[in-house]
Amino acid sequence: MTQQLYSVRFETEGADLFVELEAEAGLNRQHLLARVVATLEDRHGMETIPSSERLGEVTRVIHSDGSTLLAWLCISGNNTRQALDDDGLDEILTCLAFLLFPPVVETSVASRDSLAMALT
């Protein structure tokens, strides 16, 4: 099966988190996110590597099955990549968990007569 490079980007305030995973072609969104989560949970190997002379550094995370992903942080408006530590990878993992398993959120407000109304 052919390999394809998948990219996941998380927009955050003032910075963006990026993940790239090389995997078999034809993964759908759910399968891709599940593979990234599995790699970040396993973290068989982790190291900081230079991405290129001008682009900065990235974090390479290796799964025990040999699959590899790259993760980095870019401050908005700047192409320089910054390697992520455990906290940064945990932040990505948290974002992915919410994308994979979106929580059921019910927002309501109580009126003066104590009846709750769902907010839309």
N, C-alpha and C. Protein backbone atom coordinates (compact mmCIF):
# COMPACT_ATOMS: atom_id res chain seq x y z
N MET A 1 0.85 -1.19 0.00
CA MET A 1 0.00 0.00 0.00
C MET A 1 0.89 1.24 0.00
N THR A 2 0.50 2.26 -0.75
CA THR A 2 1.30 3.48 -0.84
C THR A 2 1.19 4.30 0.44
N GLN A 3 2.25 5.07 0.68
CA GLN A 3 2.31 5.93 1.87
C GLN A 3 1.90 7.34 1.49
N GLN A 4 1.32 8.04 2.44
CA GLN A 4 0.90 9.42 2.24
C GLN A 4 1.23 10.20 3.49
N LEU A 5 1.57 11.48 3.32
CA LEU A 5 1.88 12.34 4.45
C LEU A 5 0.61 13.11 4.83
N TYR A 6 0.16 12.92 6.05
CA TYR A 6 -1.03 13.60 6.57
C TYR A 6 -0.60 14.70 7.53
N SER A 7 -1.30 15.80 7.50
CA SER A 7 -0.99 16.91 8.39
C SER A 7 -2.23 17.29 9.20
N VAL A 8 -2.02 17.56 10.47
CA VAL A 8 -3.09 18.03 11.35
C VAL A 8 -2.61 19.34 11.96
N ARG A 9 -3.46 20.36 11.92
CA ARG A 9 -3.10 21.67 12.46
C ARG A 9 -4.13 22.09 13.48
N PHE A 10 -3.64 22.58 14.61
CA PHE A 10 -4.50 23.09 15.66
C PHE A 10 -4.23 24.58 15.80
N GLU A 11 -5.27 25.38 15.56
CA GLU A 11 -5.11 26.83 15.72
C GLU A 11 -5.30 27.17 17.19
N THR A 12 -4.31 27.83 17.75
CA THR A 12 -4.42 28.29 19.12
C THR A 12 -4.17 29.79 19.13
N GLU A 13 -4.42 30.41 20.24
CA GLU A 13 -4.26 31.85 20.32
C GLU A 13 -2.79 32.22 20.31
N GLY A 14 -2.35 32.87 19.24
CA GLY A 14 -0.96 33.32 19.15
C GLY A 14 0.02 32.30 18.61
N ALA A 15 -0.42 31.04 18.45
CA ALA A 15 0.49 30.01 17.95
C ALA A 15 -0.32 28.87 17.35
N ASP A 16 0.32 28.07 16.52
CA ASP A 16 -0.33 26.91 15.92
C ASP A 16 0.48 25.67 16.21
N LEU A 17 -0.23 24.56 16.52
CA LEU A 17 0.40 23.28 16.75
C LEU A 17 0.22 22.43 15.50
N PHE A 18 1.28 21.75 15.08
CA PHE A 18 1.25 20.94 13.87
C PHE A 18 1.68 19.51 14.16
N VAL A 19 1.06 18.58 13.47
CA VAL A 19 1.46 17.17 13.53
C VAL A 19 1.47 16.65 12.10
N GLU A 20 2.52 15.92 11.72
CA GLU A 20 2.58 15.24 10.43
C GLU A 20 2.79 13.75 10.68
N LEU A 21 2.02 12.93 9.99
CA LEU A 21 2.13 11.49 10.14
C LEU A 21 2.22 10.85 8.76
N GLU A 22 3.23 10.02 8.56
CA GLU A 22 3.32 9.26 7.32
C GLU A 22 2.67 7.91 7.57
N ALA A 23 1.64 7.61 6.77
CA ALA A 23 0.88 6.38 6.97
C ALA A 23 0.33 5.92 5.63
N GLU A 24 -0.33 4.76 5.65
CA GLU A 24 -0.88 4.24 4.40
C GLU A 24 -1.92 5.19 3.84
N ALA A 25 -1.95 5.26 2.51
CA ALA A 25 -2.90 6.15 1.85
C ALA A 25 -4.32 5.65 2.07
N GLY A 26 -5.25 6.59 2.07
CA GLY A 26 -6.65 6.23 2.16
C GLY A 26 -7.25 6.26 3.55
N LEU A 27 -6.51 6.76 4.55
CA LEU A 27 -7.08 6.88 5.89
C LEU A 27 -8.15 7.96 5.89
N ASN A 28 -9.24 7.70 6.60
CA ASN A 28 -10.21 8.78 6.76
C ASN A 28 -9.83 9.59 7.99
N ARG A 29 -10.57 10.65 8.24
CA ARG A 29 -10.23 11.58 9.33
C ARG A 29 -10.17 10.86 10.68
N GLN A 30 -11.16 10.02 10.95
CA GLN A 30 -11.22 9.33 12.24
C GLN A 30 -10.05 8.38 12.42
N HIS A 31 -9.71 7.63 11.37
CA HIS A 31 -8.58 6.70 11.46
C HIS A 31 -7.26 7.44 11.63
N LEU A 32 -7.11 8.56 10.93
CA LEU A 32 -5.89 9.35 11.05
C LEU A 32 -5.72 9.86 12.48
N LEU A 33 -6.78 10.44 13.05
CA LEU A 33 -6.69 10.96 14.41
C LEU A 33 -6.41 9.83 15.40
N ALA A 34 -7.02 8.67 15.17
CA ALA A 34 -6.79 7.53 16.07
C ALA A 34 -5.33 7.09 16.01
N ARG A 35 -4.73 7.11 14.82
CA ARG A 35 -3.31 6.73 14.68
C ARG A 35 -2.40 7.72 15.39
N VAL A 36 -2.71 9.01 15.26
CA VAL A 36 -1.89 10.04 15.94
C VAL A 36 -2.02 9.88 17.45
N VAL A 37 -3.24 9.66 17.94
CA VAL A 37 -3.45 9.46 19.37
C VAL A 37 -2.65 8.26 19.86
N ALA A 38 -2.70 7.15 19.12
CA ALA A 38 -1.98 5.94 19.52
C ALA A 38 -0.48 6.20 19.61
N THR A 39 0.06 6.94 18.65
CA THR A 39 1.49 7.23 18.66
C THR A 39 1.87 8.12 19.84
N LEU A 40 1.06 9.15 20.10
CA LEU A 40 1.35 10.05 21.21
C LEU A 40 1.18 9.36 22.56
N GLU A 41 0.24 8.44 22.65
CA GLU A 41 0.05 7.71 23.91
C GLU A 41 1.22 6.75 24.16
N ASP A 42 1.70 6.13 23.11
CA ASP A 42 2.76 5.13 23.23
C ASP A 42 4.13 5.78 23.45
N ARG A 43 4.47 6.77 22.63
CA ARG A 43 5.74 7.49 22.73
C ARG A 43 6.93 6.57 23.01
N HIS A 44 7.08 5.59 22.14
CA HIS A 44 8.17 4.63 22.28
C HIS A 44 9.53 5.32 22.24
N GLY A 45 9.65 6.28 21.37
CA GLY A 45 10.88 7.06 21.27
C GLY A 45 10.54 8.51 20.94
N MET A 46 11.29 9.45 21.48
CA MET A 46 11.02 10.86 21.25
C MET A 46 12.34 11.61 21.22
N GLU A 47 12.53 12.44 20.20
CA GLU A 47 13.75 13.23 20.10
C GLU A 47 13.48 14.51 19.33
N THR A 48 14.35 15.48 19.53
CA THR A 48 14.28 16.74 18.80
C THR A 48 15.25 16.67 17.62
N ILE A 49 14.76 17.01 16.44
CA ILE A 49 15.61 16.97 15.25
C ILE A 49 15.48 18.28 14.49
N PRO A 50 16.53 18.68 13.76
CA PRO A 50 16.42 19.88 12.92
C PRO A 50 15.55 19.58 11.71
N SER A 51 14.61 20.48 11.38
CA SER A 51 13.76 20.25 10.21
C SER A 51 14.44 20.76 8.94
N SER A 52 15.21 21.81 9.04
CA SER A 52 16.06 22.32 7.96
C SER A 52 16.84 23.49 8.54
N GLU A 53 17.75 24.02 7.77
CA GLU A 53 18.59 25.11 8.27
C GLU A 53 17.78 26.33 8.69
N ARG A 54 16.71 26.62 7.95
CA ARG A 54 15.96 27.85 8.21
C ARG A 54 14.67 27.64 8.96
N LEU A 55 14.17 26.40 9.01
CA LEU A 55 12.85 26.18 9.59
C LEU A 55 12.85 25.86 11.07
N GLY A 56 13.98 25.57 11.66
CA GLY A 56 14.02 25.32 13.09
C GLY A 56 14.01 23.83 13.42
N GLU A 57 13.41 23.49 14.57
CA GLU A 57 13.43 22.11 15.06
C GLU A 57 12.02 21.56 15.21
N VAL A 58 11.91 20.24 15.13
CA VAL A 58 10.65 19.56 15.35
C VAL A 58 10.87 18.41 16.32
N THR A 59 9.80 17.91 16.88
CA THR A 59 9.85 16.74 17.75
C THR A 59 9.44 15.52 16.94
N ARG A 60 10.28 14.50 16.96
CA ARG A 60 9.95 13.24 16.27
C ARG A 60 9.53 12.23 17.33
N VAL A 61 8.35 11.65 17.13
CA VAL A 61 7.81 10.68 18.07
C VAL A 61 7.65 9.36 17.33
N ILE A 62 8.20 8.30 17.90
CA ILE A 62 8.16 6.99 17.24
C ILE A 62 7.26 6.04 18.03
N HIS A 63 6.36 5.40 17.32
CA HIS A 63 5.47 4.40 17.92
C HIS A 63 6.22 3.07 17.99
N SER A 64 5.80 2.20 18.88
CA SER A 64 6.48 0.91 19.01
C SER A 64 6.36 0.06 17.75
N ASP A 65 5.37 0.36 16.88
CA ASP A 65 5.26 -0.39 15.62
C ASP A 65 6.14 0.20 14.52
N GLY A 66 6.89 1.26 14.86
CA GLY A 66 7.82 1.85 13.90
C GLY A 66 7.27 3.07 13.17
N SER A 67 5.97 3.33 13.26
CA SER A 67 5.44 4.53 12.59
C SER A 67 5.94 5.77 13.32
N THR A 68 6.11 6.83 12.56
CA THR A 68 6.73 8.05 13.08
C THR A 68 5.86 9.26 12.78
N LEU A 69 5.81 10.17 13.73
CA LEU A 69 5.16 11.45 13.43
C LEU A 69 6.08 12.59 13.87
N LEU A 70 5.87 13.73 13.27
CA LEU A 70 6.59 14.95 13.61
C LEU A 70 5.60 15.94 14.18
N ALA A 71 6.01 16.66 15.21
CA ALA A 71 5.14 17.65 15.85
C ALA A 71 5.94 18.90 16.14
N TRP A 72 5.33 20.07 15.97
CA TRP A 72 6.02 21.31 16.25
C TRP A 72 5.04 22.44 16.50
N LEU A 73 5.58 23.54 16.99
CA LEU A 73 4.81 24.74 17.29
C LEU A 73 5.31 25.87 16.41
N CYS A 74 4.40 26.62 15.83
CA CYS A 74 4.77 27.83 15.06
C CYS A 74 4.05 29.01 15.68
N ILE A 75 4.83 30.01 16.05
CA ILE A 75 4.22 31.25 16.52
C ILE A 75 3.60 31.94 15.32
N SER A 76 2.38 32.43 15.48
CA SER A 76 1.65 33.01 14.34
C SER A 76 2.47 34.06 13.62
N GLY A 77 2.45 33.97 12.30
CA GLY A 77 3.17 34.92 11.46
C GLY A 77 4.64 34.58 11.30
N ASN A 78 5.07 33.44 11.82
CA ASN A 78 6.47 33.07 11.74
C ASN A 78 6.57 31.61 11.28
N ASN A 79 7.43 31.35 10.29
CA ASN A 79 7.57 29.99 9.77
C ASN A 79 8.52 29.13 10.59
N THR A 80 9.19 29.70 11.58
CA THR A 80 10.15 28.95 12.36
C THR A 80 9.44 27.91 13.22
N ARG A 81 9.93 26.69 13.14
CA ARG A 81 9.34 25.59 13.90
C ARG A 81 10.05 25.43 15.23
N GLN A 82 9.28 25.18 16.27
CA GLN A 82 9.83 24.96 17.60
C GLN A 82 9.44 23.57 18.07
N ALA A 83 10.43 22.82 18.52
CA ALA A 83 10.17 21.47 19.02
C ALA A 83 9.27 21.53 20.24
N LEU A 84 8.49 20.48 20.43
CA LEU A 84 7.56 20.41 21.56
C LEU A 84 8.11 19.49 22.64
N ASP A 85 7.85 19.84 23.87
CA ASP A 85 8.21 18.97 24.99
C ASP A 85 7.00 18.10 25.34
N ASP A 86 7.08 17.39 26.46
CA ASP A 86 5.97 16.53 26.87
C ASP A 86 4.68 17.30 27.05
N ASP A 87 4.77 18.51 27.61
CA ASP A 87 3.56 19.31 27.81
C ASP A 87 2.90 19.66 26.48
N GLY A 88 3.71 20.02 25.49
CA GLY A 88 3.18 20.35 24.17
C GLY A 88 2.51 19.16 23.51
N LEU A 89 3.14 17.98 23.65
CA LEU A 89 2.55 16.77 23.08
C LEU A 89 1.26 16.40 23.82
N ASP A 90 1.25 16.62 25.12
CA ASP A 90 0.03 16.36 25.89
C ASP A 90 -1.11 17.29 25.46
N GLU A 91 -0.76 18.53 25.10
CA GLU A 91 -1.78 19.46 24.63
C GLU A 91 -2.39 18.98 23.32
N ILE A 92 -1.54 18.49 22.41
CA ILE A 92 -2.03 17.93 21.16
C ILE A 92 -2.91 16.71 21.44
N LEU A 93 -2.45 15.86 22.35
CA LEU A 93 -3.21 14.66 22.68
C LEU A 93 -4.59 15.02 23.22
N THR A 94 -4.65 16.04 24.06
CA THR A 94 -5.93 16.49 24.60
C THR A 94 -6.85 16.98 23.48
N CYS A 95 -6.30 17.79 22.57
CA CYS A 95 -7.09 18.29 21.43
C CYS A 95 -7.63 17.13 20.61
N LEU A 96 -6.76 16.14 20.34
CA LEU A 96 -7.18 15.00 19.54
C LEU A 96 -8.26 14.18 20.23
N ALA A 97 -8.11 14.01 21.54
CA ALA A 97 -9.10 13.24 22.28
C ALA A 97 -10.48 13.89 22.16
N PHE A 98 -10.53 15.23 22.21
CA PHE A 98 -11.81 15.91 22.07
C PHE A 98 -12.35 15.81 20.66
N LEU A 99 -11.45 15.77 19.66
CA LEU A 99 -11.91 15.61 18.28
C LEU A 99 -12.43 14.20 18.03
N LEU A 100 -11.76 13.22 18.62
CA LEU A 100 -12.17 11.82 18.45
C LEU A 100 -13.45 11.51 19.22
N PHE A 101 -13.51 11.99 20.45
CA PHE A 101 -14.63 11.68 21.32
C PHE A 101 -15.24 12.98 21.84
N PRO A 102 -15.96 13.70 20.99
CA PRO A 102 -16.50 15.00 21.42
C PRO A 102 -17.44 14.82 22.60
N PRO A 103 -17.24 15.65 23.62
CA PRO A 103 -18.11 15.52 24.79
C PRO A 103 -19.52 16.03 24.48
N VAL A 104 -20.48 15.47 25.17
CA VAL A 104 -21.85 15.98 25.06
C VAL A 104 -21.95 17.16 26.01
N VAL A 105 -22.17 18.32 25.45
CA VAL A 105 -22.21 19.53 26.26
C VAL A 105 -23.63 20.08 26.25
N GLU A 106 -24.17 20.26 27.41
CA GLU A 106 -25.51 20.82 27.52
C GLU A 106 -25.39 22.15 28.25
N THR A 107 -25.80 23.21 27.59
CA THR A 107 -25.73 24.54 28.19
C THR A 107 -27.14 25.03 28.46
N SER A 108 -27.36 25.44 29.68
CA SER A 108 -28.70 25.92 30.00
C SER A 108 -28.61 27.12 30.92
N VAL A 109 -29.71 27.79 31.06
CA VAL A 109 -29.79 28.94 31.95
C VAL A 109 -31.08 28.81 32.77
N ALA A 110 -31.00 29.13 34.03
CA ALA A 110 -32.19 29.04 34.87
C ALA A 110 -32.92 30.37 34.84
N SER A 111 -34.21 30.31 34.62
CA SER A 111 -35.01 31.53 34.62
C SER A 111 -35.41 31.87 36.04
N ARG A 112 -36.08 32.98 36.22
CA ARG A 112 -36.46 33.43 37.57
C ARG A 112 -37.41 32.46 38.26
N ASP A 113 -38.18 31.71 37.45
CA ASP A 113 -39.09 30.75 38.06
C ASP A 113 -38.43 29.37 38.22
N SER A 114 -37.10 29.34 38.14
CA SER A 114 -36.28 28.14 38.39
C SER A 114 -36.44 27.06 37.33
N LEU A 115 -37.02 27.39 36.19
CA LEU A 115 -37.08 26.41 35.10
C LEU A 115 -35.85 26.59 34.22
N ALA A 116 -35.21 25.48 33.86
CA ALA A 116 -34.01 25.55 33.03
C ALA A 116 -34.42 25.51 31.56
N MET A 117 -33.75 26.34 30.77
CA MET A 117 -33.98 26.36 29.32
C MET A 117 -32.66 26.08 28.64
N ALA A 118 -32.69 25.20 27.63
CA ALA A 118 -31.49 24.90 26.87
C ALA A 118 -31.14 26.10 26.00
N LEU A 119 -29.87 26.44 25.95
CA LEU A 119 -29.42 27.51 25.08
C LEU A 119 -29.01 26.95 23.74
N THR A 120 -29.41 27.60 22.66
CA THR A 120 -29.05 27.12 21.34
C THR A 120 -28.02 28.02 20.71
